[in-house]
Amino acid sequence: MNYIELSCLLTPYSAESAEIIIAYLSQKGFESFSDEEPFVKAWITEDLFTGELQNFIKNIQLENTELSFEHRLIKEQNWNETWEKNYFEPILIADKCIVRSTFHENTPKLKYEILIDPKMSFGTGHHETTSLMIEEILELDVQGKTILDMGCGTGILAILSAQKGAKEICAIDIDKWSYNNTLENLQLNSIKNVHVEQGDKSNIGSKFFNIIYANINKNVLLHDIPDYAAHIHHGGKLLLSGFYAHYFEEINKIAQQSGLQLSNKREKNNWIMLSYIKGN
């Protein structure tokens, strides 16, 4: 399947404006995003990039921000080459974990090594939200635990959890591409105890978990946090990211109303990760 890469130049750039652009595009079928000042880049399947959608994009306006859009076709067979040339360098996290792809050579040997061929999926560790989640998981006791990774993207968090000794892991993503990419990355890392599903919170069913990860956008979290909390064992944890730090009060209020107690938070470049414990 071919994809369209849409690039939006923001002048002047701000994190808030970038988030608004991503919110607009996510409602129109764009699957993955890269927020790298001064650009926001987004990807959508070629068949969905219709004239109607292009007119919608041309009419997006932000107050005090000039927007300039360009797009190009990316053929499916060129994804690894595209990532290698433009986006994906090996990343070291907390001196304990390295995330690299199959085309990277001569990388440092650390305690945890995660192989990722990202293709269209979010989650290489480069974005602040993913690296913040990884930093927290590296300090987390997951040995023998059951884990749910909502919005799994590339499967990177599930893979790390399996490497750290988690008992059973369920990885869910609404995006078919992410579902397939997670399966591929699990095979790359020889992980056998992760069950992958395409869907949303309805896939949880009646299952309960010791720990739930949700690195998803703010609006989804505000709606779904109560459901996540309802499926965590007492004393279990919920890790949240995918939003800017200035949304802390809004997210924290919903979490507290859902019976969760804040246990830790991490911030990086205006992004935030929150860790909660479900009260006994």
Protein backbone atom coordinates (compact mmCIF):
# COMPACT_ATOMS: atom_id res chain seq x y z
CA MET A 1 0.00 0.00 0.00
CA ASN A 2 1.30 3.45 -0.92
CA TYR A 3 1.19 6.37 1.48
CA ILE A 4 1.09 10.14 1.22
CA GLU A 5 3.47 12.08 3.45
CA LEU A 6 2.05 15.51 4.27
CA SER A 7 4.43 18.18 5.58
CA CYS A 8 3.14 21.29 7.31
CA LEU A 9 5.49 24.20 7.95
CA LEU A 10 4.36 26.33 10.92
CA THR A 11 5.56 29.95 11.04
CA PRO A 12 6.10 30.70 13.83
CA TYR A 13 6.25 27.19 15.27
CA SER A 14 4.73 26.37 18.67
CA ALA A 15 3.96 23.09 20.39
CA GLU A 16 0.33 24.15 20.85
CA SER A 17 -0.11 24.92 17.14
CA ALA A 18 1.49 21.60 16.20
CA GLU A 19 -0.93 19.76 18.47
CA ILE A 20 -3.90 21.50 16.86
CA ILE A 21 -2.71 20.50 13.38
CA ILE A 22 -2.29 16.90 14.51
CA ALA A 23 -5.80 16.94 16.02
CA TYR A 24 -7.29 18.21 12.73
CA LEU A 25 -5.50 15.60 10.65
CA SER A 26 -6.14 12.68 13.02
CA GLN A 27 -9.88 13.25 12.54
CA LYS A 28 -9.46 12.87 8.78
CA GLY A 29 -7.77 9.47 8.64
CA PHE A 30 -4.08 10.33 9.03
CA GLU A 31 -2.44 7.45 10.90
CA SER A 32 0.99 8.56 12.09
CA PHE A 33 2.62 11.85 12.95
CA SER A 34 6.04 13.38 13.46
CA ASP A 35 6.33 16.69 15.31
CA GLU A 36 9.78 18.10 14.59
CA GLU A 37 10.08 21.89 14.78
CA PRO A 38 9.22 23.73 12.55
CA PHE A 39 7.32 20.92 10.76
CA VAL A 40 4.47 18.58 11.49
CA LYS A 41 4.49 15.54 9.23
CA ALA A 42 1.59 13.14 8.82
CA TRP A 43 0.94 9.99 6.82
CA ILE A 44 -2.23 8.64 5.22
CA THR A 45 -2.96 5.90 2.71
CA GLU A 46 -2.94 7.13 -0.88
CA ASP A 47 -6.55 6.09 -1.50
CA LEU A 48 -7.82 8.36 1.31
CA PHE A 49 -5.96 11.43 0.08
CA THR A 50 -8.93 12.65 -1.94
CA GLY A 51 -9.61 16.02 -3.50
CA GLU A 52 -12.09 16.72 -0.72
CA LEU A 53 -9.43 16.05 1.92
CA GLN A 54 -6.89 18.22 0.10
CA ASN A 55 -9.39 21.10 0.05
CA PHE A 56 -9.97 20.62 3.77
CA ILE A 57 -6.24 20.84 4.41
CA LYS A 58 -5.88 24.00 2.31
CA ASN A 59 -8.58 25.68 4.41
CA ILE A 60 -7.02 24.95 7.81
CA GLN A 61 -6.21 28.23 9.51
CA LEU A 62 -4.60 29.01 12.86
CA GLU A 63 -4.57 32.36 14.57
CA ASN A 64 -1.17 34.10 14.40
CA THR A 65 0.38 31.13 12.57
CA GLU A 66 1.11 30.82 8.85
CA LEU A 67 0.71 27.30 7.46
CA SER A 68 2.37 25.89 4.35
CA PHE A 69 1.51 22.35 3.16
CA GLU A 70 3.36 20.03 0.79
CA HIS A 71 2.87 16.33 0.08
CA ARG A 72 4.70 13.49 -1.62
CA LEU A 73 4.04 9.85 -2.47
CA ILE A 74 5.91 7.15 -0.58
CA LYS A 75 5.72 3.63 -1.97
CA GLU A 76 5.36 0.80 0.51
CA GLN A 77 8.53 -1.00 -0.53
CA ASN A 78 10.60 2.08 0.31
CA TRP A 79 9.58 2.46 3.97
CA ASN A 80 12.74 1.10 5.56
CA GLU A 81 14.86 3.18 3.20
CA THR A 82 12.79 6.27 4.05
CA TRP A 83 13.18 5.77 7.79
CA GLU A 84 16.88 5.00 7.48
CA LYS A 85 17.61 8.14 5.46
CA ASN A 86 15.32 10.61 7.20
CA TYR A 87 13.99 9.66 10.61
CA PHE A 88 15.42 6.77 12.56
CA GLU A 89 18.77 6.85 14.32
CA PRO A 90 19.61 4.45 17.19
CA ILE A 91 18.50 5.88 20.53
CA LEU A 92 19.90 5.19 24.00
CA ILE A 93 17.52 5.58 26.94
CA ALA A 94 18.70 5.92 30.55
CA ASP A 95 21.94 4.09 29.68
CA LYS A 96 20.02 0.83 29.97
CA CYS A 97 18.13 0.42 26.72
CA ILE A 98 18.97 0.88 23.06
CA VAL A 99 16.34 1.03 20.34
CA ARG A 100 17.64 0.34 16.86
CA SER A 101 16.53 -1.09 13.55
CA THR A 102 17.83 -4.00 11.53
CA PHE A 103 19.82 -1.64 9.29
CA HIS A 104 21.84 -0.20 12.22
CA GLU A 105 25.27 -1.69 12.84
CA ASN A 106 28.00 -1.38 15.49
CA THR A 107 25.63 -0.09 18.19
CA PRO A 108 26.44 -0.18 21.93
CA LYS A 109 25.54 -3.31 23.90
CA LEU A 110 23.19 -2.45 26.76
CA LYS A 111 21.04 -4.51 29.11
CA TYR A 112 17.97 -4.15 26.90
CA GLU A 113 18.09 -4.01 23.10
CA ILE A 114 14.90 -3.49 21.11
CA LEU A 115 14.79 -4.03 17.35
CA ILE A 116 12.19 -1.87 15.60
CA ASP A 117 11.36 -1.60 11.92
CA PRO A 118 8.83 1.20 12.32
CA LYS A 119 7.39 1.54 8.82
CA MET A 120 4.23 3.61 9.42
CA SER A 121 3.81 3.02 13.15
CA PHE A 122 4.42 5.43 16.01
CA GLY A 123 6.94 4.44 18.64
CA THR A 124 10.65 4.41 17.86
CA GLY A 125 11.63 5.98 21.18
CA HIS A 126 12.59 9.28 19.58
CA HIS A 127 9.41 11.08 20.50
CA GLU A 128 9.39 12.37 24.07
CA THR A 129 6.24 10.47 25.03
CA THR A 130 7.70 7.10 24.03
CA SER A 131 11.06 7.73 25.69
CA LEU A 132 9.32 8.92 28.88
CA MET A 133 7.27 5.72 28.98
CA ILE A 134 10.38 3.62 28.41
CA GLU A 135 12.23 5.44 31.21
CA GLU A 136 9.37 4.66 33.60
CA ILE A 137 9.11 1.01 32.52
CA LEU A 138 12.85 0.56 33.03
CA GLU A 139 12.29 1.44 36.71
CA LEU A 140 9.11 -0.62 37.01
CA ASP A 141 8.82 -4.11 38.46
CA VAL A 142 7.01 -6.02 35.71
CA GLN A 143 8.32 -9.48 36.59
CA GLY A 144 5.44 -11.97 36.40
CA LYS A 145 2.89 -9.20 35.76
CA THR A 146 0.03 -9.04 33.26
CA ILE A 147 0.17 -5.96 31.06
CA LEU A 148 -2.04 -4.16 28.54
CA ASP A 149 -0.42 -1.84 26.00
CA MET A 150 -3.18 0.37 24.54
CA GLY A 151 -2.27 2.11 21.31
CA CYS A 152 0.78 -0.12 20.95
CA GLY A 153 2.13 1.45 17.73
CA THR A 154 5.31 -0.46 16.92
CA GLY A 155 4.91 -2.66 20.02
CA ILE A 156 8.01 -1.14 21.61
CA LEU A 157 6.60 -0.94 25.16
CA ALA A 158 5.25 -4.48 25.02
CA ILE A 159 8.61 -5.76 23.78
CA LEU A 160 10.53 -4.06 26.59
CA SER A 161 8.07 -5.42 29.15
CA ALA A 162 8.51 -8.93 27.81
CA GLN A 163 12.28 -8.55 27.98
CA LYS A 164 11.92 -7.49 31.62
CA GLY A 165 9.99 -10.61 32.53
CA ALA A 166 6.30 -9.74 32.22
CA LYS A 167 4.11 -12.84 32.30
CA GLU A 168 1.43 -12.02 29.71
CA ILE A 169 0.99 -8.93 27.55
CA CYS A 170 -1.92 -7.79 25.43
CA ALA A 171 -1.14 -5.14 22.79
CA ILE A 172 -4.03 -3.29 21.11
CA ASP A 173 -4.07 -0.67 18.37
CA ILE A 174 -6.92 0.64 16.26
CA ASP A 175 -4.64 0.99 13.23
CA LYS A 176 -4.23 -2.11 11.03
CA TRP A 177 -0.72 -1.01 10.03
CA SER A 178 0.33 -0.80 13.69
CA TYR A 179 -1.22 -4.20 14.36
CA ASN A 180 0.84 -5.77 11.57
CA ASN A 181 3.99 -3.83 12.48
CA THR A 182 3.76 -4.95 16.11
CA LEU A 183 3.56 -8.57 14.96
CA GLU A 184 6.64 -8.05 12.78
CA ASN A 185 8.62 -6.40 15.57
CA LEU A 186 7.69 -9.14 18.04
CA GLN A 187 9.16 -11.65 15.63
CA LEU A 188 12.31 -9.54 15.19
CA ASN A 189 12.82 -9.62 18.97
CA SER A 190 11.81 -13.29 19.40
CA ILE A 191 8.98 -12.35 21.78
CA LYS A 192 6.38 -15.07 22.28
CA ASN A 193 4.14 -13.90 25.14
CA VAL A 194 2.46 -10.85 23.55
CA HIS A 195 -1.05 -11.20 22.16
CA VAL A 196 -1.84 -8.51 19.55
CA GLU A 197 -5.30 -7.29 18.61
CA GLN A 198 -6.63 -4.63 16.25
CA GLY A 199 -9.28 -2.54 17.97
CA ASP A 200 -9.97 -0.16 20.83
CA LYS A 201 -10.92 -0.30 24.52
CA SER A 202 -13.87 -2.58 23.70
CA ASN A 203 -11.30 -5.33 23.03
CA ILE A 204 -10.43 -5.37 26.74
CA GLY A 205 -13.68 -7.18 27.50
CA SER A 206 -13.69 -8.62 31.01
CA LYS A 207 -9.91 -8.93 31.35
CA PHE A 208 -7.93 -7.39 34.23
CA PHE A 209 -4.27 -6.39 34.29
CA ASN A 210 -1.56 -5.53 36.79
CA ILE A 211 -0.33 -2.66 34.60
CA ILE A 212 -1.81 -0.71 31.69
CA TYR A 213 0.13 1.58 29.34
CA ALA A 214 -1.70 4.22 27.31
CA ASN A 215 0.48 6.49 25.19
CA ILE A 216 -2.41 8.06 23.28
CA ASN A 217 -3.65 11.57 22.54
CA LYS A 218 -5.29 13.65 25.26
CA ASN A 219 -8.88 13.47 24.01
CA VAL A 220 -8.89 9.67 23.90
CA LEU A 221 -7.37 9.49 27.38
CA LEU A 222 -9.92 11.87 28.90
CA HIS A 223 -12.66 9.61 27.59
CA ASP A 224 -11.05 6.24 28.33
CA ILE A 225 -9.18 6.62 31.65
CA PRO A 226 -12.20 5.45 33.71
CA ASP A 227 -12.40 2.29 31.59
CA TYR A 228 -8.69 1.60 31.97
CA ALA A 229 -8.93 2.08 35.74
CA ALA A 230 -11.84 -0.37 35.91
CA HIS A 231 -9.65 -3.10 34.40
CA ILE A 232 -6.63 -2.74 36.70
CA HIS A 233 -6.20 -5.00 39.71
CA HIS A 234 -6.14 -3.17 43.04
CA GLY A 235 -2.61 -2.01 43.66
CA GLY A 236 -1.88 -2.09 39.93
CA LYS A 237 -0.60 0.78 37.82
CA LEU A 238 -1.65 2.95 34.90
CA LEU A 239 1.02 4.76 32.86
CA LEU A 240 -0.19 7.65 30.70
CA SER A 241 1.50 9.79 28.08
CA GLY A 242 0.81 11.37 24.70
CA PHE A 243 -0.03 14.89 25.83
CA TYR A 244 1.60 18.17 26.81
CA ALA A 245 2.43 18.99 30.42
CA HIS A 246 -0.06 21.84 30.57
CA TYR A 247 -2.88 19.27 30.37
CA PHE A 248 -1.77 17.72 33.67
CA GLU A 249 -4.61 19.11 35.79
CA GLU A 250 -7.25 17.99 33.30
CA ILE A 251 -5.87 14.46 33.05
CA ASN A 252 -5.15 14.18 36.77
CA LYS A 253 -8.70 15.16 37.69
CA ILE A 254 -10.18 12.33 35.63
CA ALA A 255 -7.62 9.87 37.00
CA GLN A 256 -8.40 10.80 40.62
CA GLN A 257 -12.13 10.51 39.97
CA SER A 258 -11.41 7.00 38.66
CA GLY A 259 -9.81 5.88 41.92
CA LEU A 260 -6.20 6.41 40.86
CA GLN A 261 -3.42 8.01 42.91
CA LEU A 262 -0.51 9.79 41.23
CA SER A 263 2.79 8.06 42.05
CA ASN A 264 5.25 9.61 39.60
CA LYS A 265 5.58 12.01 36.70
CA ARG A 266 8.30 12.73 34.20
CA GLU A 267 8.61 15.70 31.84
CA LYS A 268 10.65 16.34 28.71
CA ASN A 269 10.36 19.26 26.28
CA ASN A 270 6.84 20.14 27.48
CA TRP A 271 5.60 16.52 27.19
CA ILE A 272 4.67 14.54 30.30
CA MET A 273 4.28 10.96 31.55
CA LEU A 274 2.08 10.18 34.56
CA SER A 275 2.15 7.00 36.62
CA TYR A 276 -0.84 6.10 38.80
CA ILE A 277 -1.61 3.41 41.37
CA LYS A 278 -5.10 2.00 41.79
CA GLY A 279 -6.06 2.36 45.44
CA ASN A 280 -6.59 -0.71 47.58
